[in-house]
Amino acid sequence: MPRLALYALVVCLLAVTAAVVSFVQGSTWLGVVWVLLAGLSSNMAWYYRRRTRTAASR
């Protein structure tokens, strides 16, 4: 797995954890921000992984 995809995946997991903690503590808006960040970093991880696969197959 490429390094950027791995970093994006770690950020995604940390953002999901922060979102759960925020929702449990009752901070809905902050939880929503963390969920959006998790979605963005998840898309970045998929993009970098797919880009590396297509470059390797050429």
N, C-alpha and C. Protein backbone atom coordinates (compact mmCIF):
# COMPACT_ATOMS: atom_id res chain seq x y z
N MET A 1 0.85 -1.17 0.00
CA MET A 1 0.00 0.00 0.00
C MET A 1 0.89 1.24 0.00
N PRO A 2 0.59 2.21 -0.85
CA PRO A 2 1.41 3.42 -0.91
C PRO A 2 1.34 4.21 0.40
N ARG A 3 2.38 4.97 0.62
CA ARG A 3 2.49 5.69 1.90
C ARG A 3 1.39 6.71 2.10
N LEU A 4 1.03 7.47 1.05
CA LEU A 4 -0.02 8.47 1.20
C LEU A 4 -1.37 7.83 1.50
N ALA A 5 -1.63 6.69 0.89
CA ALA A 5 -2.88 5.99 1.17
C ALA A 5 -2.90 5.50 2.61
N LEU A 6 -1.77 5.04 3.09
CA LEU A 6 -1.70 4.58 4.47
C LEU A 6 -1.92 5.73 5.45
N TYR A 7 -1.30 6.87 5.19
CA TYR A 7 -1.50 8.04 6.04
C TYR A 7 -2.96 8.49 6.04
N ALA A 8 -3.58 8.50 4.86
CA ALA A 8 -4.98 8.90 4.76
C ALA A 8 -5.88 7.92 5.52
N LEU A 9 -5.54 6.64 5.47
CA LEU A 9 -6.33 5.65 6.20
C LEU A 9 -6.20 5.83 7.71
N VAL A 10 -5.00 6.16 8.17
CA VAL A 10 -4.79 6.42 9.61
C VAL A 10 -5.59 7.65 10.04
N VAL A 11 -5.57 8.70 9.22
CA VAL A 11 -6.35 9.90 9.52
C VAL A 11 -7.83 9.58 9.56
N CYS A 12 -8.28 8.73 8.65
CA CYS A 12 -9.68 8.32 8.63
C CYS A 12 -10.06 7.60 9.92
N LEU A 13 -9.25 6.66 10.35
CA LEU A 13 -9.55 5.92 11.57
C LEU A 13 -9.54 6.84 12.80
N LEU A 14 -8.60 7.76 12.85
CA LEU A 14 -8.56 8.71 13.97
C LEU A 14 -9.77 9.65 13.95
N ALA A 15 -10.19 10.06 12.77
CA ALA A 15 -11.36 10.94 12.67
C ALA A 15 -12.63 10.21 13.08
N VAL A 16 -12.75 8.95 12.72
CA VAL A 16 -13.93 8.17 13.14
C VAL A 16 -13.94 8.03 14.66
N THR A 17 -12.78 7.77 15.23
CA THR A 17 -12.69 7.67 16.69
C THR A 17 -13.07 8.99 17.36
N ALA A 18 -12.57 10.08 16.82
CA ALA A 18 -12.90 11.40 17.38
C ALA A 18 -14.38 11.71 17.22
N ALA A 19 -14.98 11.27 16.12
CA ALA A 19 -16.41 11.50 15.92
C ALA A 19 -17.23 10.73 16.95
N VAL A 20 -16.86 9.50 17.20
CA VAL A 20 -17.58 8.70 18.20
C VAL A 20 -17.47 9.36 19.57
N VAL A 21 -16.27 9.79 19.92
CA VAL A 21 -16.08 10.44 21.22
C VAL A 21 -16.90 11.73 21.30
N SER A 22 -16.92 12.49 20.23
CA SER A 22 -17.68 13.74 20.23
C SER A 22 -19.18 13.49 20.38
N PHE A 23 -19.69 12.49 19.68
CA PHE A 23 -21.11 12.18 19.80
C PHE A 23 -21.46 11.66 21.19
N VAL A 24 -20.59 10.87 21.77
CA VAL A 24 -20.84 10.34 23.11
C VAL A 24 -20.85 11.47 24.13
N GLN A 25 -19.98 12.45 23.96
CA GLN A 25 -19.92 13.57 24.89
C GLN A 25 -21.02 14.60 24.65
N GLY A 26 -21.78 14.44 23.58
CA GLY A 26 -22.91 15.33 23.32
C GLY A 26 -22.63 16.50 22.41
N SER A 27 -21.47 16.53 21.79
CA SER A 27 -21.12 17.62 20.88
C SER A 27 -21.46 17.19 19.45
N THR A 28 -22.68 17.45 19.05
CA THR A 28 -23.17 16.98 17.76
C THR A 28 -22.45 17.65 16.59
N TRP A 29 -22.30 18.97 16.65
CA TRP A 29 -21.69 19.68 15.52
C TRP A 29 -20.23 19.27 15.32
N LEU A 30 -19.51 19.13 16.41
CA LEU A 30 -18.12 18.70 16.28
C LEU A 30 -18.05 17.27 15.74
N GLY A 31 -18.99 16.43 16.13
CA GLY A 31 -19.05 15.07 15.60
C GLY A 31 -19.29 15.05 14.11
N VAL A 32 -20.16 15.93 13.65
CA VAL A 32 -20.45 16.01 12.21
C VAL A 32 -19.20 16.44 11.45
N VAL A 33 -18.45 17.38 11.99
CA VAL A 33 -17.21 17.82 11.34
C VAL A 33 -16.23 16.66 11.25
N TRP A 34 -16.11 15.87 12.32
CA TRP A 34 -15.21 14.71 12.30
C TRP A 34 -15.68 13.67 11.28
N VAL A 35 -16.98 13.47 11.16
CA VAL A 35 -17.49 12.51 10.17
C VAL A 35 -17.16 12.98 8.75
N LEU A 36 -17.31 14.27 8.50
CA LEU A 36 -16.96 14.80 7.17
C LEU A 36 -15.47 14.64 6.88
N LEU A 37 -14.63 14.87 7.88
CA LEU A 37 -13.20 14.68 7.71
C LEU A 37 -12.87 13.21 7.45
N ALA A 38 -13.58 12.32 8.13
CA ALA A 38 -13.36 10.89 7.90
C ALA A 38 -13.74 10.51 6.47
N GLY A 39 -14.82 11.05 5.97
CA GLY A 39 -15.22 10.77 4.60
C GLY A 39 -14.21 11.28 3.59
N LEU A 40 -13.70 12.48 3.82
CA LEU A 40 -12.70 13.04 2.92
C LEU A 40 -11.42 12.21 2.91
N SER A 41 -10.95 11.85 4.08
CA SER A 41 -9.71 11.07 4.14
C SER A 41 -9.90 9.66 3.60
N SER A 42 -11.09 9.10 3.75
CA SER A 42 -11.38 7.80 3.17
C SER A 42 -11.31 7.86 1.64
N ASN A 43 -11.89 8.90 1.07
CA ASN A 43 -11.82 9.07 -0.38
C ASN A 43 -10.38 9.27 -0.85
N MET A 44 -9.59 10.01 -0.08
CA MET A 44 -8.19 10.20 -0.44
C MET A 44 -7.44 8.88 -0.41
N ALA A 45 -7.72 8.03 0.58
CA ALA A 45 -7.05 6.73 0.66
C ALA A 45 -7.39 5.87 -0.55
N TRP A 46 -8.66 5.83 -0.93
CA TRP A 46 -9.06 5.05 -2.10
C TRP A 46 -8.41 5.59 -3.36
N TYR A 47 -8.36 6.92 -3.48
CA TYR A 47 -7.78 7.53 -4.67
C TYR A 47 -6.30 7.17 -4.81
N TYR A 48 -5.53 7.33 -3.74
CA TYR A 48 -4.10 7.04 -3.82
C TYR A 48 -3.84 5.56 -4.05
N ARG A 49 -4.66 4.72 -3.46
CA ARG A 49 -4.49 3.27 -3.66
C ARG A 49 -4.79 2.89 -5.12
N ARG A 50 -5.89 3.43 -5.66
CA ARG A 50 -6.26 3.12 -7.04
C ARG A 50 -5.25 3.70 -8.03
N ARG A 51 -4.74 4.91 -7.73
CA ARG A 51 -3.77 5.53 -8.62
C ARG A 51 -2.49 4.70 -8.68
N THR A 52 -2.07 4.15 -7.56
CA THR A 52 -0.87 3.33 -7.53
C THR A 52 -1.10 2.02 -8.28
N ARG A 53 -2.28 1.43 -8.12
CA ARG A 53 -2.57 0.18 -8.84
C ARG A 53 -2.57 0.38 -10.35
N THR A 54 -3.18 1.45 -10.81
CA THR A 54 -3.24 1.68 -12.27
C THR A 54 -1.84 2.00 -12.81
N ALA A 55 -1.03 2.69 -12.04
CA ALA A 55 0.32 3.01 -12.50
C ALA A 55 1.19 1.75 -12.55
N ALA A 56 0.95 0.84 -11.63
CA ALA A 56 1.73 -0.40 -11.61
C ALA A 56 1.32 -1.36 -12.74
N SER A 57 0.08 -1.28 -13.16
CA SER A 57 -0.38 -2.21 -14.20
C SER A 57 0.01 -1.74 -15.61
N ARG A 58 0.48 -0.54 -15.74
CA ARG A 58 0.85 -0.03 -17.08
C ARG A 58 2.21 -0.45 -17.49
